[in-house]
Amino acid sequence: MNRNLSLIRLLCAVMIVICGAMLFKTSAKANYFDDFYKGVETFSGLPSEVNRLKESYRETLDDLDRAQADAKQYQEQNAELMAQNKELSETVQALQETNQARAAREHKLKVMLVTVVALAAGYFVFIRIMRYFMRRANRI
């Protein structure tokens, strides 16, 4: 009977383990073939990835070349504009000097004209005063 009781306990224990396994379904796989397949798949995708990276690198180099060409063009254009600016500054300075010389001549002419008019008016006034005094001196 002891033996039957232990057999029943053993069967109950096995049943509990089987039921527990079915309820909790813990699956442990080695996934060796899946991992190998994913590795091969990833490795076979590397050439396209490398080609994409190479193309991206070429595009970046082309962009860099264009940027350097633009920078060189801007430097040349800047040098030309600086030369033009220098020429324009010299022209403006020459025009200002010419304008100052013209303004000085105009001022000098105005001063001379006022002086001539003042001398002429002074001459006529002086002549009138002299005549007045001479006539007065003759009457006495």
C-alpha atoms as a PDB file:
ATOM      1  CA  MET A   1       0.000   0.000   0.000  1.00  0.00           C
ATOM      2  CA  ASN A   2       2.873   2.214   0.710  1.00  0.00           C
ATOM      3  CA  ARG A   3       3.961   1.590  -2.778  1.00  0.00           C
ATOM      4  CA  ASN A   4       0.567   2.511  -4.218  1.00  0.00           C
ATOM      5  CA  LEU A   5       0.503   5.668  -2.197  1.00  0.00           C
ATOM      6  CA  SER A   6       3.887   6.759  -3.498  1.00  0.00           C
ATOM      7  CA  LEU A   7       2.826   5.932  -7.037  1.00  0.00           C
ATOM      8  CA  ILE A   8      -0.279   8.075  -6.627  1.00  0.00           C
ATOM      9  CA  ARG A   9       1.813  10.911  -5.210  1.00  0.00           C
ATOM     10  CA  LEU A  10       4.218  10.600  -8.114  1.00  0.00           C
ATOM     11  CA  LEU A  11       1.367  10.667 -10.637  1.00  0.00           C
ATOM     12  CA  CYS A  12      -0.169  13.689  -8.903  1.00  0.00           C
ATOM     13  CA  ALA A  13       3.145  15.502  -8.953  1.00  0.00           C
ATOM     14  CA  VAL A  14       3.615  14.744 -12.668  1.00  0.00           C
ATOM     15  CA  MET A  15       0.066  15.932 -13.391  1.00  0.00           C
ATOM     16  CA  ILE A  16       0.657  19.159 -11.467  1.00  0.00           C
ATOM     17  CA  VAL A  17       3.873  19.804 -13.414  1.00  0.00           C
ATOM     18  CA  ILE A  18       2.169  19.087 -16.766  1.00  0.00           C
ATOM     19  CA  CYS A  19      -0.792  21.319 -15.889  1.00  0.00           C
ATOM     20  CA  GLY A  20       1.548  24.083 -14.691  1.00  0.00           C
ATOM     21  CA  ALA A  21       3.550  23.831 -17.888  1.00  0.00           C
ATOM     22  CA  MET A  22       0.397  24.114 -19.952  1.00  0.00           C
ATOM     23  CA  LEU A  23      -0.894  27.056 -17.976  1.00  0.00           C
ATOM     24  CA  PHE A  24       2.271  29.145 -17.994  1.00  0.00           C
ATOM     25  CA  LYS A  25       3.684  28.021 -21.372  1.00  0.00           C
ATOM     26  CA  THR A  26       7.275  29.043 -20.914  1.00  0.00           C
ATOM     27  CA  SER A  27       9.060  28.379 -24.137  1.00  0.00           C
ATOM     28  CA  ALA A  28      12.769  28.382 -24.326  1.00  0.00           C
ATOM     29  CA  LYS A  29      14.248  27.995 -27.780  1.00  0.00           C
ATOM     30  CA  ALA A  30      17.816  28.043 -28.792  1.00  0.00           C
ATOM     31  CA  ASN A  31      16.912  30.030 -31.956  1.00  0.00           C
ATOM     32  CA  TYR A  32      20.235  29.080 -33.450  1.00  0.00           C
ATOM     33  CA  PHE A  33      18.840  28.794 -36.968  1.00  0.00           C
ATOM     34  CA  ASP A  34      16.807  31.985 -36.656  1.00  0.00           C
ATOM     35  CA  ASP A  35      19.833  33.892 -35.390  1.00  0.00           C
ATOM     36  CA  PHE A  36      21.995  32.421 -38.163  1.00  0.00           C
ATOM     37  CA  TYR A  37      19.393  33.345 -40.783  1.00  0.00           C
ATOM     38  CA  LYS A  38      19.064  36.903 -39.407  1.00  0.00           C
ATOM     39  CA  GLY A  39      22.854  37.220 -39.368  1.00  0.00           C
ATOM     40  CA  VAL A  40      23.113  36.078 -42.994  1.00  0.00           C
ATOM     41  CA  GLU A  41      20.260  38.392 -43.932  1.00  0.00           C
ATOM     42  CA  THR A  42      21.940  41.329 -42.180  1.00  0.00           C
ATOM     43  CA  PHE A  43      25.289  40.471 -43.754  1.00  0.00           C
ATOM     44  CA  SER A  44      23.735  40.246 -47.213  1.00  0.00           C
ATOM     45  CA  GLY A  45      22.153  43.683 -46.672  1.00  0.00           C
ATOM     46  CA  LEU A  46      25.512  45.275 -45.863  1.00  0.00           C
ATOM     47  CA  PRO A  47      26.620  45.849 -49.504  1.00  0.00           C
ATOM     48  CA  SER A  48      23.501  47.910 -50.216  1.00  0.00           C
ATOM     49  CA  GLU A  49      24.097  49.833 -46.988  1.00  0.00           C
ATOM     50  CA  VAL A  50      27.730  50.395 -47.981  1.00  0.00           C
ATOM     51  CA  ASN A  51      26.654  51.534 -51.451  1.00  0.00           C
ATOM     52  CA  ARG A  52      24.139  53.937 -49.914  1.00  0.00           C
ATOM     53  CA  LEU A  53      26.832  55.314 -47.621  1.00  0.00           C
ATOM     54  CA  LYS A  54      29.252  55.658 -50.564  1.00  0.00           C
ATOM     55  CA  GLU A  55      26.628  57.536 -52.560  1.00  0.00           C
ATOM     56  CA  SER A  56      25.930  59.775 -49.593  1.00  0.00           C
ATOM     57  CA  TYR A  57      29.674  60.379 -49.242  1.00  0.00           C
ATOM     58  CA  ARG A  58      29.930  61.290 -52.949  1.00  0.00           C
ATOM     59  CA  GLU A  59      27.007  63.671 -52.641  1.00  0.00           C
ATOM     60  CA  THR A  60      28.616  65.257 -49.598  1.00  0.00           C
ATOM     61  CA  LEU A  61      31.900  65.637 -51.479  1.00  0.00           C
ATOM     62  CA  ASP A  62      30.054  67.199 -54.416  1.00  0.00           C
ATOM     63  CA  ASP A  63      28.302  69.588 -52.055  1.00  0.00           C
ATOM     64  CA  LEU A  64      31.645  70.444 -50.458  1.00  0.00           C
ATOM     65  CA  ASP A  65      33.226  71.053 -53.872  1.00  0.00           C
ATOM     66  CA  ARG A  66      30.321  73.298 -54.848  1.00  0.00           C
ATOM     67  CA  ALA A  67      30.602  75.171 -51.554  1.00  0.00           C
ATOM     68  CA  GLN A  68      34.340  75.648 -52.053  1.00  0.00           C
ATOM     69  CA  ALA A  69      33.783  76.834 -55.629  1.00  0.00           C
ATOM     70  CA  ASP A  70      31.124  79.258 -54.389  1.00  0.00           C
ATOM     71  CA  ALA A  71      33.462  80.479 -51.647  1.00  0.00           C
ATOM     72  CA  LYS A  72      36.240  81.024 -54.202  1.00  0.00           C
ATOM     73  CA  GLN A  73      33.829  82.834 -56.496  1.00  0.00           C
ATOM     74  CA  TYR A  74      32.659  85.016 -53.606  1.00  0.00           C
ATOM     75  CA  GLN A  75      36.266  85.814 -52.712  1.00  0.00           C
ATOM     76  CA  GLU A  76      37.012  86.834 -56.311  1.00  0.00           C
ATOM     77  CA  GLN A  77      33.829  88.868 -56.456  1.00  0.00           C
ATOM     78  CA  ASN A  78      34.702  90.472 -53.125  1.00  0.00           C
ATOM     79  CA  ALA A  79      38.164  91.403 -54.442  1.00  0.00           C
ATOM     80  CA  GLU A  80      36.587  92.934 -57.558  1.00  0.00           C
ATOM     81  CA  LEU A  81      34.072  94.854 -55.474  1.00  0.00           C
ATOM     82  CA  MET A  82      36.829  96.116 -53.183  1.00  0.00           C
ATOM     83  CA  ALA A  83      38.765  97.364 -56.236  1.00  0.00           C
ATOM     84  CA  GLN A  84      35.631  99.065 -57.564  1.00  0.00           C
ATOM     85  CA  ASN A  85      34.982 100.540 -54.117  1.00  0.00           C
ATOM     86  CA  LYS A  86      38.518 101.927 -54.035  1.00  0.00           C
ATOM     87  CA  GLU A  87      38.086 103.454 -57.492  1.00  0.00           C
ATOM     88  CA  LEU A  88      34.736 104.943 -56.501  1.00  0.00           C
ATOM     89  CA  SER A  89      36.232 106.347 -53.301  1.00  0.00           C
ATOM     90  CA  GLU A  90      39.023 107.968 -55.301  1.00  0.00           C
ATOM     91  CA  THR A  91      36.478 109.356 -57.783  1.00  0.00           C
ATOM     92  CA  VAL A  92      34.311 110.712 -54.968  1.00  0.00           C
ATOM     93  CA  GLN A  93      37.338 112.287 -53.332  1.00  0.00           C
ATOM     94  CA  ALA A  94      38.376 113.891 -56.650  1.00  0.00           C
ATOM     95  CA  LEU A  95      34.831 115.199 -57.140  1.00  0.00           C
ATOM     96  CA  GLN A  96      34.775 116.589 -53.613  1.00  0.00           C
ATOM     97  CA  GLU A  97      38.104 118.342 -54.187  1.00  0.00           C
ATOM     98  CA  THR A  98      36.814 119.752 -57.477  1.00  0.00           C
ATOM     99  CA  ASN A  99      33.629 120.887 -55.754  1.00  0.00           C
ATOM    100  CA  GLN A 100      35.614 122.538 -52.965  1.00  0.00           C
ATOM    101  CA  ALA A 101      37.839 124.308 -55.519  1.00  0.00           C
ATOM    102  CA  ARG A 102      34.751 125.495 -57.426  1.00  0.00           C
ATOM    103  CA  ALA A 103      33.141 126.696 -54.189  1.00  0.00           C
ATOM    104  CA  ALA A 104      36.356 128.548 -53.288  1.00  0.00           C
ATOM    105  CA  ARG A 105      36.432 130.217 -56.734  1.00  0.00           C
ATOM    106  CA  GLU A 106      32.775 131.212 -56.412  1.00  0.00           C
ATOM    107  CA  HIS A 107      33.418 132.705 -52.986  1.00  0.00           C
ATOM    108  CA  LYS A 108      36.431 134.590 -54.313  1.00  0.00           C
ATOM    109  CA  LEU A 109      34.383 135.914 -57.257  1.00  0.00           C
ATOM    110  CA  LYS A 110      31.579 137.008 -54.913  1.00  0.00           C
ATOM    111  CA  VAL A 111      34.055 138.817 -52.681  1.00  0.00           C
ATOM    112  CA  MET A 112      35.625 140.536 -55.707  1.00  0.00           C
ATOM    113  CA  LEU A 113      32.227 141.496 -57.110  1.00  0.00           C
ATOM    114  CA  VAL A 114      31.116 142.964 -53.787  1.00  0.00           C
ATOM    115  CA  THR A 115      34.452 144.779 -53.526  1.00  0.00           C
ATOM    116  CA  VAL A 116      34.118 146.197 -57.068  1.00  0.00           C
ATOM    117  CA  VAL A 117      30.537 147.309 -56.420  1.00  0.00           C
ATOM    118  CA  ALA A 118      31.576 148.862 -53.096  1.00  0.00           C
ATOM    119  CA  LEU A 119      34.546 150.643 -54.722  1.00  0.00           C
ATOM    120  CA  ALA A 120      32.356 151.930 -57.574  1.00  0.00           C
ATOM    121  CA  ALA A 121      29.693 153.118 -55.129  1.00  0.00           C
ATOM    122  CA  GLY A 122      32.390 154.622 -52.917  1.00  0.00           C
ATOM    123  CA  TYR A 123      33.925 156.377 -55.944  1.00  0.00           C
ATOM    124  CA  PHE A 124      30.614 157.975 -56.926  1.00  0.00           C
ATOM    125  CA  VAL A 125      29.843 158.930 -53.348  1.00  0.00           C
ATOM    126  CA  PHE A 126      33.368 160.334 -52.935  1.00  0.00           C
ATOM    127  CA  ILE A 127      33.023 162.342 -56.184  1.00  0.00           C
ATOM    128  CA  ARG A 128      29.673 163.749 -55.045  1.00  0.00           C
ATOM    129  CA  ILE A 129      31.064 164.715 -51.671  1.00  0.00           C
ATOM    130  CA  MET A 130      34.108 166.354 -53.314  1.00  0.00           C
ATOM    131  CA  ARG A 131      31.883 168.315 -55.685  1.00  0.00           C
ATOM    132  CA  TYR A 132      29.713 169.422 -52.840  1.00  0.00           C
ATOM    133  CA  PHE A 133      32.691 170.689 -50.859  1.00  0.00           C
ATOM    134  CA  MET A 134      34.243 172.355 -53.891  1.00  0.00           C
ATOM    135  CA  ARG A 135      31.060 174.182 -54.740  1.00  0.00           C
ATOM    136  CA  ARG A 136      30.731 175.258 -51.206  1.00  0.00           C
ATOM    137  CA  ALA A 137      34.289 176.423 -51.132  1.00  0.00           C
ATOM    138  CA  ASN A 138      33.747 178.404 -54.341  1.00  0.00           C
ATOM    139  CA  ARG A 139      30.709 180.178 -52.976  1.00  0.00           C
ATOM    140  CA  ILE A 140      32.429 181.558 -50.033  1.00  0.00           C
END
